[in-house]
Amino acid sequence: MTAYRITGDLAAPTEPHSHQPPLDDGADDWIARGLVEGDEHCLDAAYQRWGRLVHTLAARAMGDPREAEDVTQQVFVAAWRGRATFSPERGTLPAWLTGITRRKIADALTARTRRTELAAALGASLEHEGRAVEEPERVLDRIVVTEELARLPRVQRDVLELAYFADLTQVQIADRTGMPLGTVKSHARRGLQRMRHNLALAAATG
């Protein structure tokens, strides 16, 4: 996994502050200095060196390999975006990455809980409305929208769920996920367009 895959929309690569990392105990310092200076080669080196650690921590907490991969991605994106806040005097780079990992795991678990609560609330609402036999169109609309949301690509679904179910602004979503604000807006727009298209198609063929 290269630095470009980690960051997604980074600017053109900067010149590394040295061609190769040292082969001794100074490697960690080399990576840390380069990362703070904005050297994408050092971001890649950090991922190669500590990516497995981050993924292991996330997998243990999440219990889902795919969610662990998402958390790992978010950790290194957040590390790149917040590299100026790293201070060697406060601790080592792996310790700093571990701290970011814990925060991203907490965010992911919170989002998962909200999705579970939403599903439970929706189920209870549907059950109640089903017994009352009131407004069957509303029940059907909720089922259709929920199904269409579940069909979206994961990142689009997550953005829309955070926006509408967690009541977060796009700026807050960008901060929580580590995605650039423009990327969050793009995913939200594309997700809504896809849902509207599918719902319109279903209505036309229904």
N, C-alpha and C. Protein backbone atom coordinates (compact mmCIF):
# COMPACT_ATOMS: atom_id res chain seq x y z
N MET A 1 0.86 -1.20 0.00
CA MET A 1 0.00 0.00 0.00
C MET A 1 0.89 1.23 0.00
N THR A 2 0.75 2.04 -0.98
CA THR A 2 1.60 3.21 -1.08
C THR A 2 0.97 4.39 -0.40
N ALA A 3 1.76 5.46 -0.27
CA ALA A 3 1.25 6.67 0.35
C ALA A 3 0.09 7.24 -0.44
N TYR A 4 0.11 7.05 -1.78
CA TYR A 4 -0.96 7.59 -2.60
C TYR A 4 -2.26 6.87 -2.32
N ARG A 5 -2.22 5.57 -2.09
CA ARG A 5 -3.42 4.82 -1.76
C ARG A 5 -3.94 5.20 -0.38
N ILE A 6 -3.01 5.51 0.52
CA ILE A 6 -3.41 5.89 1.88
C ILE A 6 -4.14 7.21 1.86
N THR A 7 -3.59 8.20 1.19
CA THR A 7 -4.11 9.55 1.28
C THR A 7 -5.18 9.84 0.25
N GLY A 8 -5.18 9.15 -0.86
CA GLY A 8 -6.25 9.30 -1.84
C GLY A 8 -6.11 10.51 -2.73
N ASP A 9 -6.01 11.70 -2.19
CA ASP A 9 -6.00 12.90 -3.02
C ASP A 9 -4.88 13.85 -2.60
N LEU A 10 -3.72 13.29 -2.26
CA LEU A 10 -2.59 14.14 -1.89
C LEU A 10 -2.10 14.92 -3.10
N ALA A 11 -1.42 16.01 -2.81
CA ALA A 11 -0.80 16.77 -3.87
C ALA A 11 0.38 15.99 -4.42
N ALA A 12 1.07 16.58 -5.40
CA ALA A 12 2.22 15.92 -5.99
C ALA A 12 3.25 15.60 -4.92
N PRO A 13 3.97 14.47 -5.06
CA PRO A 13 4.89 14.05 -4.01
C PRO A 13 5.99 15.06 -3.78
N THR A 14 6.39 15.19 -2.53
CA THR A 14 7.49 16.08 -2.18
C THR A 14 8.80 15.32 -2.28
N GLU A 15 9.88 16.05 -2.32
CA GLU A 15 11.19 15.41 -2.35
C GLU A 15 11.51 14.85 -0.98
N PRO A 16 11.92 13.58 -0.89
CA PRO A 16 12.25 13.02 0.42
C PRO A 16 13.45 13.69 1.02
N HIS A 17 13.50 13.73 2.35
CA HIS A 17 14.63 14.41 2.99
C HIS A 17 15.88 13.55 2.97
N SER A 18 15.76 12.28 2.61
CA SER A 18 16.90 11.43 2.30
C SER A 18 16.38 10.30 1.45
N HIS A 19 17.25 9.64 0.69
CA HIS A 19 16.79 8.66 -0.28
C HIS A 19 16.32 7.37 0.36
N GLN A 20 16.97 6.92 1.39
CA GLN A 20 16.63 5.65 2.01
C GLN A 20 16.61 5.80 3.53
N PRO A 21 15.72 5.07 4.21
CA PRO A 21 15.72 5.12 5.67
C PRO A 21 16.95 4.43 6.21
N PRO A 22 17.44 4.82 7.39
CA PRO A 22 18.58 4.15 7.99
C PRO A 22 18.23 2.72 8.35
N LEU A 23 19.20 1.87 8.39
CA LEU A 23 18.97 0.46 8.68
C LEU A 23 19.22 0.13 10.13
N ASP A 24 19.22 1.13 11.00
CA ASP A 24 19.49 0.90 12.41
C ASP A 24 18.33 1.42 13.25
N ASP A 25 18.59 1.65 14.50
CA ASP A 25 17.53 2.11 15.40
C ASP A 25 17.06 3.52 15.10
N GLY A 26 17.79 4.21 14.22
CA GLY A 26 17.39 5.57 13.87
C GLY A 26 16.27 5.62 12.85
N ALA A 27 15.79 4.45 12.39
CA ALA A 27 14.74 4.43 11.37
C ALA A 27 13.47 5.12 11.85
N ASP A 28 13.09 4.88 13.10
CA ASP A 28 11.86 5.49 13.61
C ASP A 28 11.97 7.01 13.60
N ASP A 29 13.11 7.53 14.00
CA ASP A 29 13.30 8.98 14.01
C ASP A 29 13.28 9.54 12.59
N TRP A 30 13.87 8.80 11.67
CA TRP A 30 13.90 9.21 10.27
C TRP A 30 12.49 9.32 9.71
N ILE A 31 11.68 8.31 10.00
CA ILE A 31 10.29 8.31 9.53
C ILE A 31 9.51 9.45 10.17
N ALA A 32 9.68 9.64 11.47
CA ALA A 32 8.94 10.67 12.20
C ALA A 32 9.29 12.06 11.67
N ARG A 33 10.57 12.32 11.49
CA ARG A 33 10.99 13.64 10.98
C ARG A 33 10.44 13.88 9.59
N GLY A 34 10.55 12.87 8.74
CA GLY A 34 10.07 13.03 7.37
C GLY A 34 8.57 13.22 7.29
N LEU A 35 7.84 12.51 8.14
CA LEU A 35 6.39 12.65 8.14
C LEU A 35 5.99 14.06 8.53
N VAL A 36 6.60 14.59 9.59
CA VAL A 36 6.29 15.95 10.03
C VAL A 36 6.62 16.96 8.94
N GLU A 37 7.68 16.70 8.18
CA GLU A 37 8.10 17.61 7.11
C GLU A 37 7.24 17.47 5.86
N GLY A 38 6.33 16.50 5.84
CA GLY A 38 5.45 16.34 4.69
C GLY A 38 6.01 15.45 3.61
N ASP A 39 6.91 14.55 3.97
CA ASP A 39 7.49 13.62 3.00
C ASP A 39 6.59 12.39 2.89
N GLU A 40 5.96 12.21 1.73
CA GLU A 40 5.04 11.10 1.55
C GLU A 40 5.75 9.75 1.58
N HIS A 41 7.04 9.74 1.25
CA HIS A 41 7.79 8.49 1.34
C HIS A 41 7.82 7.99 2.79
N CYS A 42 7.86 8.93 3.71
CA CYS A 42 7.88 8.55 5.12
C CYS A 42 6.49 8.12 5.60
N LEU A 43 5.44 8.67 5.00
CA LEU A 43 4.10 8.17 5.30
C LEU A 43 3.99 6.71 4.86
N ASP A 44 4.50 6.42 3.68
CA ASP A 44 4.48 5.04 3.20
C ASP A 44 5.31 4.15 4.11
N ALA A 45 6.48 4.66 4.54
CA ALA A 45 7.34 3.88 5.43
C ALA A 45 6.65 3.64 6.77
N ALA A 46 5.92 4.64 7.26
CA ALA A 46 5.19 4.47 8.52
C ALA A 46 4.12 3.41 8.38
N TYR A 47 3.44 3.41 7.25
CA TYR A 47 2.42 2.38 7.03
C TYR A 47 3.05 0.99 6.97
N GLN A 48 4.16 0.88 6.24
CA GLN A 48 4.81 -0.42 6.13
C GLN A 48 5.32 -0.92 7.49
N ARG A 49 5.73 0.02 8.33
CA ARG A 49 6.33 -0.35 9.61
C ARG A 49 5.28 -0.62 10.69
N TRP A 50 4.18 0.16 10.70
CA TRP A 50 3.21 0.06 11.80
C TRP A 50 1.78 -0.23 11.34
N GLY A 51 1.58 -0.40 10.05
CA GLY A 51 0.25 -0.69 9.54
C GLY A 51 -0.34 -1.96 10.13
N ARG A 52 0.49 -2.99 10.26
CA ARG A 52 0.00 -4.26 10.81
C ARG A 52 -0.42 -4.09 12.27
N LEU A 53 0.36 -3.30 13.03
CA LEU A 53 0.02 -3.05 14.42
C LEU A 53 -1.34 -2.36 14.52
N VAL A 54 -1.54 -1.32 13.72
CA VAL A 54 -2.80 -0.58 13.73
C VAL A 54 -3.95 -1.50 13.35
N HIS A 55 -3.76 -2.30 12.30
CA HIS A 55 -4.81 -3.20 11.84
C HIS A 55 -5.14 -4.24 12.91
N THR A 56 -4.13 -4.75 13.58
CA THR A 56 -4.35 -5.75 14.63
C THR A 56 -5.18 -5.18 15.78
N LEU A 57 -4.83 -3.97 16.20
CA LEU A 57 -5.60 -3.31 17.27
C LEU A 57 -7.05 -3.09 16.84
N ALA A 58 -7.22 -2.66 15.60
CA ALA A 58 -8.57 -2.40 15.10
C ALA A 58 -9.36 -3.69 14.96
N ALA A 59 -8.72 -4.74 14.47
CA ALA A 59 -9.42 -6.01 14.28
C ALA A 59 -9.86 -6.61 15.61
N ARG A 60 -9.03 -6.49 16.62
CA ARG A 60 -9.39 -7.01 17.94
C ARG A 60 -10.59 -6.26 18.51
N ALA A 61 -10.62 -4.96 18.31
CA ALA A 61 -11.70 -4.15 18.87
C ALA A 61 -12.99 -4.27 18.05
N MET A 62 -12.87 -4.32 16.72
CA MET A 62 -14.04 -4.30 15.86
C MET A 62 -14.59 -5.69 15.61
N GLY A 63 -13.72 -6.70 15.59
CA GLY A 63 -14.17 -8.05 15.29
C GLY A 63 -14.61 -8.23 13.85
N ASP A 64 -14.20 -7.34 12.98
CA ASP A 64 -14.59 -7.38 11.56
C ASP A 64 -13.41 -6.93 10.73
N PRO A 65 -12.85 -7.81 9.90
CA PRO A 65 -11.66 -7.44 9.11
C PRO A 65 -11.89 -6.24 8.21
N ARG A 66 -13.08 -6.15 7.61
CA ARG A 66 -13.33 -5.03 6.70
C ARG A 66 -13.41 -3.70 7.46
N GLU A 67 -14.06 -3.73 8.62
CA GLU A 67 -14.10 -2.51 9.42
C GLU A 67 -12.72 -2.15 9.94
N ALA A 68 -11.90 -3.17 10.24
CA ALA A 68 -10.53 -2.92 10.69
C ALA A 68 -9.72 -2.27 9.59
N GLU A 69 -9.95 -2.68 8.35
CA GLU A 69 -9.25 -2.05 7.22
C GLU A 69 -9.66 -0.58 7.08
N ASP A 70 -10.95 -0.31 7.27
CA ASP A 70 -11.43 1.07 7.20
C ASP A 70 -10.77 1.93 8.29
N VAL A 71 -10.69 1.38 9.50
CA VAL A 71 -10.08 2.11 10.60
C VAL A 71 -8.60 2.36 10.32
N THR A 72 -7.92 1.35 9.80
CA THR A 72 -6.49 1.50 9.48
C THR A 72 -6.29 2.61 8.47
N GLN A 73 -7.12 2.63 7.43
CA GLN A 73 -7.04 3.69 6.43
C GLN A 73 -7.23 5.05 7.08
N GLN A 74 -8.24 5.16 7.94
CA GLN A 74 -8.54 6.43 8.59
C GLN A 74 -7.41 6.89 9.48
N VAL A 75 -6.74 5.95 10.14
CA VAL A 75 -5.64 6.30 11.05
C VAL A 75 -4.51 6.97 10.29
N PHE A 76 -4.12 6.39 9.16
CA PHE A 76 -2.97 6.95 8.44
C PHE A 76 -3.34 8.22 7.68
N VAL A 77 -4.60 8.33 7.26
CA VAL A 77 -5.05 9.60 6.68
C VAL A 77 -5.01 10.68 7.75
N ALA A 78 -5.51 10.35 8.96
CA ALA A 78 -5.50 11.32 10.05
C ALA A 78 -4.08 11.68 10.45
N ALA A 79 -3.19 10.71 10.43
CA ALA A 79 -1.79 10.97 10.78
C ALA A 79 -1.16 11.94 9.78
N TRP A 80 -1.49 11.75 8.50
CA TRP A 80 -0.95 12.65 7.48
C TRP A 80 -1.50 14.06 7.64
N ARG A 81 -2.80 14.13 7.83
CA ARG A 81 -3.43 15.45 7.96
C ARG A 81 -3.00 16.17 9.24
N GLY A 82 -2.76 15.39 10.30
CA GLY A 82 -2.41 16.00 11.58
C GLY A 82 -0.94 15.90 11.92
N ARG A 83 -0.10 15.68 10.91
CA ARG A 83 1.33 15.43 11.16
C ARG A 83 2.01 16.57 11.90
N ALA A 84 1.52 17.79 11.71
CA ALA A 84 2.15 18.94 12.37
C ALA A 84 1.94 18.91 13.88
N THR A 85 0.99 18.12 14.35
CA THR A 85 0.72 18.06 15.78
C THR A 85 1.58 17.02 16.50
N PHE A 86 2.31 16.21 15.73
CA PHE A 86 3.16 15.21 16.38
C PHE A 86 4.38 15.89 17.00
N SER A 87 4.65 15.54 18.24
CA SER A 87 5.79 16.10 18.95
C SER A 87 6.62 14.97 19.56
N PRO A 88 7.86 14.77 19.10
CA PRO A 88 8.70 13.69 19.64
C PRO A 88 8.92 13.82 21.14
N GLU A 89 8.82 15.05 21.67
CA GLU A 89 9.03 15.24 23.10
C GLU A 89 7.92 14.59 23.93
N ARG A 90 6.77 14.42 23.33
CA ARG A 90 5.63 13.84 24.05
C ARG A 90 5.57 12.32 23.95
N GLY A 91 6.27 11.75 23.00
CA GLY A 91 6.23 10.31 22.83
C GLY A 91 6.70 9.90 21.45
N THR A 92 6.74 8.60 21.23
CA THR A 92 7.22 8.07 19.96
C THR A 92 6.12 8.10 18.91
N LEU A 93 6.54 7.95 17.65
CA LEU A 93 5.56 7.93 16.56
C LEU A 93 4.59 6.75 16.67
N PRO A 94 5.06 5.52 16.96
CA PRO A 94 4.09 4.42 17.11
C PRO A 94 3.10 4.65 18.24
N ALA A 95 3.55 5.28 19.33
CA ALA A 95 2.63 5.59 20.42
C ALA A 95 1.59 6.61 19.97
N TRP A 96 2.01 7.58 19.17
CA TRP A 96 1.10 8.59 18.62
C TRP A 96 0.08 7.94 17.70
N LEU A 97 0.56 7.03 16.85
CA LEU A 97 -0.35 6.32 15.94
C LEU A 97 -1.33 5.45 16.73
N THR A 98 -0.86 4.86 17.81
CA THR A 98 -1.75 4.05 18.64
C THR A 98 -2.85 4.90 19.25
N GLY A 99 -2.51 6.12 19.66
CA GLY A 99 -3.52 7.02 20.20
C GLY A 99 -4.57 7.37 19.16
N ILE A 100 -4.13 7.64 17.93
CA ILE A 100 -5.08 7.92 16.85
C ILE A 100 -5.95 6.70 16.60
N THR A 101 -5.33 5.52 16.64
CA THR A 101 -6.07 4.28 16.41
C THR A 101 -7.19 4.12 17.42
N ARG A 102 -6.90 4.38 18.68
CA ARG A 102 -7.92 4.25 19.72
C ARG A 102 -9.08 5.20 19.48
N ARG A 103 -8.79 6.41 19.05
CA ARG A 103 -9.87 7.37 18.78
C ARG A 103 -10.71 6.93 17.59
N LYS A 104 -10.06 6.45 16.54
CA LYS A 104 -10.79 6.01 15.36
C LYS A 104 -11.61 4.76 15.65
N ILE A 105 -11.09 3.87 16.49
CA ILE A 105 -11.86 2.69 16.90
C ILE A 105 -13.10 3.12 17.67
N ALA A 106 -12.92 4.07 18.59
CA ALA A 106 -14.06 4.56 19.36
C ALA A 106 -15.12 5.18 18.44
N ASP A 107 -14.68 5.95 17.45
CA ASP A 107 -15.62 6.55 16.50
C ASP A 107 -16.36 5.47 15.72
N ALA A 108 -15.60 4.45 15.27
CA ALA A 108 -16.22 3.37 14.48
C ALA A 108 -17.22 2.58 15.31
N LEU A 109 -16.89 2.32 16.56
CA LEU A 109 -17.82 1.59 17.43
C LEU A 109 -19.07 2.42 17.72
N THR A 110 -18.89 3.73 17.89
CA THR A 110 -20.03 4.60 18.11
C THR A 110 -20.95 4.60 16.89
N ALA A 111 -20.35 4.69 15.70
CA ALA A 111 -21.15 4.67 14.47
C ALA A 111 -21.88 3.34 14.32
N ARG A 112 -21.21 2.25 14.68
CA ARG A 112 -21.85 0.93 14.60
C ARG A 112 -23.04 0.86 15.56
N THR A 113 -22.86 1.38 16.77
CA THR A 113 -23.94 1.36 17.75
C THR A 113 -25.13 2.17 17.26
N ARG A 114 -24.85 3.30 16.65
CA ARG A 114 -25.95 4.13 16.14
C ARG A 114 -26.69 3.42 15.02
N ARG A 115 -25.96 2.71 14.17
CA ARG A 115 -26.63 1.96 13.11
C ARG A 115 -27.51 0.86 13.69
N THR A 116 -27.00 0.19 14.73
CA THR A 116 -27.77 -0.87 15.38
C THR A 116 -29.03 -0.31 16.03
N GLU A 117 -28.86 0.82 16.73
CA GLU A 117 -30.01 1.45 17.38
C GLU A 117 -31.04 1.91 16.35
N LEU A 118 -30.54 2.42 15.23
CA LEU A 118 -31.45 2.86 14.17
C LEU A 118 -32.24 1.69 13.63
N ALA A 119 -31.56 0.58 13.37
CA ALA A 119 -32.24 -0.60 12.85
C ALA A 119 -33.29 -1.11 13.84
N ALA A 120 -32.92 -1.10 15.13
CA ALA A 120 -33.87 -1.57 16.15
C ALA A 120 -35.07 -0.63 16.24
N ALA A 121 -34.81 0.68 16.20
CA ALA A 121 -35.91 1.64 16.27
C ALA A 121 -36.82 1.53 15.05
N LEU A 122 -36.20 1.34 13.90
CA LEU A 122 -36.99 1.20 12.68
C LEU A 122 -37.83 -0.07 12.74
N GLY A 123 -37.24 -1.16 13.23
CA GLY A 123 -37.98 -2.41 13.36
C GLY A 123 -39.16 -2.27 14.29
N ALA A 124 -38.94 -1.61 15.43
CA ALA A 124 -40.03 -1.41 16.38
C ALA A 124 -41.13 -0.54 15.78
N SER A 125 -40.71 0.49 15.03
CA SER A 125 -41.69 1.38 14.41
C SER A 125 -42.51 0.65 13.37
N LEU A 126 -41.83 -0.17 12.58
CA LEU A 126 -42.54 -0.93 11.55
C LEU A 126 -43.51 -1.92 12.18
N GLU A 127 -43.08 -2.54 13.28
CA GLU A 127 -43.96 -3.50 13.97
C GLU A 127 -45.21 -2.80 14.49
N HIS A 128 -45.01 -1.63 15.09
CA HIS A 128 -46.14 -0.87 15.63
C HIS A 128 -47.10 -0.44 14.51
N GLU A 129 -46.53 0.08 13.45
CA GLU A 129 -47.37 0.55 12.35
C GLU A 129 -48.08 -0.62 11.67
N GLY A 130 -47.39 -1.78 11.68
CA GLY A 130 -48.01 -2.95 11.07
C GLY A 130 -49.22 -3.39 11.86
N ARG A 131 -49.14 -3.33 13.19
CA ARG A 131 -50.27 -3.73 14.03
C ARG A 131 -51.43 -2.74 13.88
N ALA A 132 -51.08 -1.49 13.76
CA ALA A 132 -52.12 -0.46 13.68
C ALA A 132 -52.74 -0.39 12.28
N VAL A 133 -52.04 -0.95 11.31
CA VAL A 133 -52.48 -0.93 9.92
C VAL A 133 -52.73 0.52 9.48
N GLU A 134 -51.81 1.39 9.87
CA GLU A 134 -51.94 2.79 9.52
C GLU A 134 -50.84 3.19 8.56
N GLU A 135 -51.20 3.97 7.59
CA GLU A 135 -50.27 4.55 6.63
C GLU A 135 -49.31 3.50 6.08
N PRO A 136 -49.80 2.51 5.36
CA PRO A 136 -48.92 1.47 4.81
C PRO A 136 -47.90 2.04 3.83
N GLU A 137 -48.24 3.17 3.19
CA GLU A 137 -47.29 3.77 2.26
C GLU A 137 -46.02 4.22 2.99
N ARG A 138 -46.19 4.75 4.21
CA ARG A 138 -45.02 5.20 4.98
C ARG A 138 -44.14 4.01 5.34
N VAL A 139 -44.77 2.91 5.71
CA VAL A 139 -44.01 1.71 6.04
C VAL A 139 -43.21 1.24 4.84
N LEU A 140 -43.86 1.20 3.69
CA LEU A 140 -43.19 0.76 2.47
C LEU A 140 -42.05 1.69 2.11
N ASP A 141 -42.28 3.01 2.24
CA ASP A 141 -41.22 3.97 1.92
C ASP A 141 -40.00 3.76 2.80
N ARG A 142 -40.22 3.53 4.08
CA ARG A 142 -39.09 3.32 4.99
C ARG A 142 -38.31 2.06 4.61
N ILE A 143 -39.03 1.02 4.26
CA ILE A 143 -38.37 -0.23 3.88
C ILE A 143 -37.53 -0.01 2.62
N VAL A 144 -38.11 0.65 1.63
CA VAL A 144 -37.41 0.88 0.36
C VAL A 144 -36.17 1.73 0.57
N VAL A 145 -36.32 2.84 1.33
CA VAL A 145 -35.18 3.73 1.55
C VAL A 145 -34.07 3.01 2.31
N THR A 146 -34.44 2.23 3.32
CA THR A 146 -33.44 1.49 4.09
C THR A 146 -32.71 0.49 3.21
N GLU A 147 -33.46 -0.18 2.34
CA GLU A 147 -32.84 -1.15 1.44
C GLU A 147 -31.90 -0.46 0.46
N GLU A 148 -32.32 0.68 -0.08
CA GLU A 148 -31.48 1.40 -1.03
C GLU A 148 -30.21 1.92 -0.35
N LEU A 149 -30.34 2.39 0.88
CA LEU A 149 -29.17 2.85 1.61
C LEU A 149 -28.17 1.71 1.82
N ALA A 150 -28.69 0.53 2.10
CA ALA A 150 -27.82 -0.63 2.32
C ALA A 150 -27.11 -1.06 1.04
N ARG A 151 -27.66 -0.70 -0.12
CA ARG A 151 -27.04 -1.09 -1.40
C ARG A 151 -25.92 -0.14 -1.82
N LEU A 152 -25.81 0.99 -1.19
CA LEU A 152 -24.78 1.95 -1.56
C LEU A 152 -23.40 1.40 -1.25
N PRO A 153 -22.38 1.86 -1.98
CA PRO A 153 -21.00 1.54 -1.58
C PRO A 153 -20.76 1.96 -0.14
N ARG A 154 -19.92 1.22 0.56
CA ARG A 154 -19.76 1.41 2.00
C ARG A 154 -19.48 2.85 2.40
N VAL A 155 -18.56 3.50 1.68
CA VAL A 155 -18.17 4.84 2.10
C VAL A 155 -19.32 5.83 1.91
N GLN A 156 -20.11 5.68 0.82
CA GLN A 156 -21.25 6.56 0.60
C GLN A 156 -22.31 6.32 1.66
N ARG A 157 -22.54 5.05 1.99
CA ARG A 157 -23.53 4.72 3.02
C ARG A 157 -23.12 5.30 4.37
N ASP A 158 -21.84 5.16 4.71
CA ASP A 158 -21.37 5.66 6.00
C ASP A 158 -21.52 7.17 6.10
N VAL A 159 -21.18 7.88 5.01
CA VAL A 159 -21.30 9.34 5.02
C VAL A 159 -22.74 9.76 5.21
N LEU A 160 -23.67 9.13 4.49
CA LEU A 160 -25.08 9.51 4.61
C LEU A 160 -25.65 9.14 5.97
N GLU A 161 -25.22 8.01 6.52
CA GLU A 161 -25.70 7.63 7.85
C GLU A 161 -25.22 8.61 8.92
N LEU A 162 -23.95 9.03 8.80
CA LEU A 162 -23.43 10.00 9.75
C LEU A 162 -24.14 11.34 9.62
N ALA A 163 -24.50 11.69 8.39
CA ALA A 163 -25.16 12.97 8.16
C ALA A 163 -26.59 12.98 8.67
N TYR A 164 -27.33 11.91 8.40
CA TYR A 164 -28.76 11.93 8.68
C TYR A 164 -29.14 11.24 9.99
N PHE A 165 -28.39 10.21 10.34
CA PHE A 165 -28.76 9.46 11.54
C PHE A 165 -27.96 9.91 12.76
N ALA A 166 -26.71 10.32 12.55
CA ALA A 166 -25.90 10.84 13.65
C ALA A 166 -25.96 12.36 13.72
N ASP A 167 -26.63 12.98 12.72
CA ASP A 167 -26.84 14.43 12.71
C ASP A 167 -25.53 15.19 12.73
N LEU A 168 -24.56 14.72 11.95
CA LEU A 168 -23.27 15.40 11.85
C LEU A 168 -23.24 16.27 10.61
N THR A 169 -22.54 17.40 10.70
CA THR A 169 -22.32 18.23 9.52
C THR A 169 -21.23 17.58 8.67
N GLN A 170 -21.10 18.05 7.45
CA GLN A 170 -20.08 17.49 6.57
C GLN A 170 -18.68 17.78 7.10
N VAL A 171 -18.50 18.92 7.74
CA VAL A 171 -17.21 19.23 8.36
C VAL A 171 -16.91 18.23 9.48
N GLN A 172 -17.91 17.92 10.30
CA GLN A 172 -17.73 16.95 11.38
C GLN A 172 -17.46 15.56 10.84
N ILE A 173 -18.13 15.21 9.74
CA ILE A 173 -17.89 13.90 9.11
C ILE A 173 -16.45 13.81 8.62
N ALA A 174 -15.97 14.88 8.00
CA ALA A 174 -14.59 14.90 7.51
C ALA A 174 -13.61 14.73 8.66
N ASP A 175 -13.89 15.40 9.77
CA ASP A 175 -13.00 15.30 10.94
C ASP A 175 -13.04 13.89 11.53
N ARG A 176 -14.22 13.29 11.58
CA ARG A 176 -14.35 11.96 12.19
C ARG A 176 -13.73 10.88 11.32
N THR A 177 -13.93 10.96 10.00
CA THR A 177 -13.47 9.90 9.11
C THR A 177 -12.05 10.11 8.61
N GLY A 178 -11.55 11.36 8.69
CA GLY A 178 -10.23 11.65 8.15
C GLY A 178 -10.25 11.95 6.66
N MET A 179 -11.44 11.96 6.06
CA MET A 179 -11.54 12.27 4.64
C MET A 179 -11.53 13.78 4.43
N PRO A 180 -10.98 14.25 3.31
CA PRO A 180 -11.08 15.67 3.00
C PRO A 180 -12.54 16.08 2.86
N LEU A 181 -12.85 17.34 3.18
CA LEU A 181 -14.22 17.82 3.14
C LEU A 181 -14.81 17.66 1.74
N GLY A 182 -14.01 17.96 0.73
CA GLY A 182 -14.50 17.81 -0.65
C GLY A 182 -14.88 16.38 -0.98
N THR A 183 -14.13 15.42 -0.43
CA THR A 183 -14.44 14.01 -0.66
C THR A 183 -15.73 13.63 0.03
N VAL A 184 -15.95 14.14 1.25
CA VAL A 184 -17.20 13.88 1.97
C VAL A 184 -18.38 14.41 1.16
N LYS A 185 -18.26 15.64 0.66
CA LYS A 185 -19.36 16.22 -0.13
C LYS A 185 -19.62 15.41 -1.38
N SER A 186 -18.55 14.93 -2.01
CA SER A 186 -18.69 14.14 -3.24
C SER A 186 -19.41 12.83 -2.96
N HIS A 187 -19.01 12.14 -1.87
CA HIS A 187 -19.66 10.87 -1.53
C HIS A 187 -21.13 11.08 -1.18
N ALA A 188 -21.43 12.15 -0.45
CA ALA A 188 -22.83 12.43 -0.09
C ALA A 188 -23.66 12.70 -1.34
N ARG A 189 -23.12 13.51 -2.24
CA ARG A 189 -23.85 13.84 -3.46
C ARG A 189 -24.08 12.61 -4.33
N ARG A 190 -23.02 11.81 -4.51
CA ARG A 190 -23.16 10.62 -5.34
C ARG A 190 -24.09 9.59 -4.72
N GLY A 191 -24.03 9.46 -3.39
CA GLY A 191 -24.91 8.53 -2.71
C GLY A 191 -26.37 8.91 -2.89
N LEU A 192 -26.68 10.19 -2.72
CA LEU A 192 -28.05 10.66 -2.88
C LEU A 192 -28.52 10.50 -4.32
N GLN A 193 -27.64 10.81 -5.26
CA GLN A 193 -28.00 10.67 -6.67
C GLN A 193 -28.30 9.21 -7.00
N ARG A 194 -27.50 8.32 -6.46
CA ARG A 194 -27.70 6.90 -6.74
C ARG A 194 -29.01 6.41 -6.13
N MET A 195 -29.30 6.84 -4.90
CA MET A 195 -30.56 6.44 -4.27
C MET A 195 -31.76 6.98 -5.05
N ARG A 196 -31.70 8.25 -5.44
CA ARG A 196 -32.81 8.83 -6.18
C ARG A 196 -33.02 8.13 -7.52
N HIS A 197 -31.92 7.80 -8.18
CA HIS A 197 -32.02 7.10 -9.46
C HIS A 197 -32.67 5.74 -9.30
N ASN A 198 -32.22 4.99 -8.29
CA ASN A 198 -32.76 3.65 -8.07
C ASN A 198 -34.23 3.70 -7.66
N LEU A 199 -34.57 4.68 -6.81
CA LEU A 199 -35.96 4.80 -6.38
C LEU A 199 -36.86 5.21 -7.55
N ALA A 200 -36.35 6.11 -8.39
CA ALA A 200 -37.13 6.53 -9.57
C ALA A 200 -37.30 5.37 -10.54
N LEU A 201 -36.25 4.59 -10.72
CA LEU A 201 -36.32 3.43 -11.60
C LEU A 201 -37.31 2.41 -11.07
N ALA A 202 -37.28 2.19 -9.76
CA ALA A 202 -38.22 1.24 -9.16
C ALA A 202 -39.66 1.70 -9.32
N ALA A 203 -39.88 3.01 -9.19
CA ALA A 203 -41.23 3.55 -9.33
C ALA A 203 -41.73 3.43 -10.77
N ALA A 204 -40.79 3.62 -11.72
CA ALA A 204 -41.18 3.57 -13.14
C ALA A 204 -41.49 2.15 -13.60
N THR A 205 -40.82 1.18 -12.99
CA THR A 205 -41.00 -0.21 -13.41
C THR A 205 -41.93 -0.98 -12.51
N GLY A 206 -42.38 -0.31 -11.39
CA GLY A 206 -43.22 -0.99 -10.43
C GLY A 206 -44.65 -1.16 -10.91
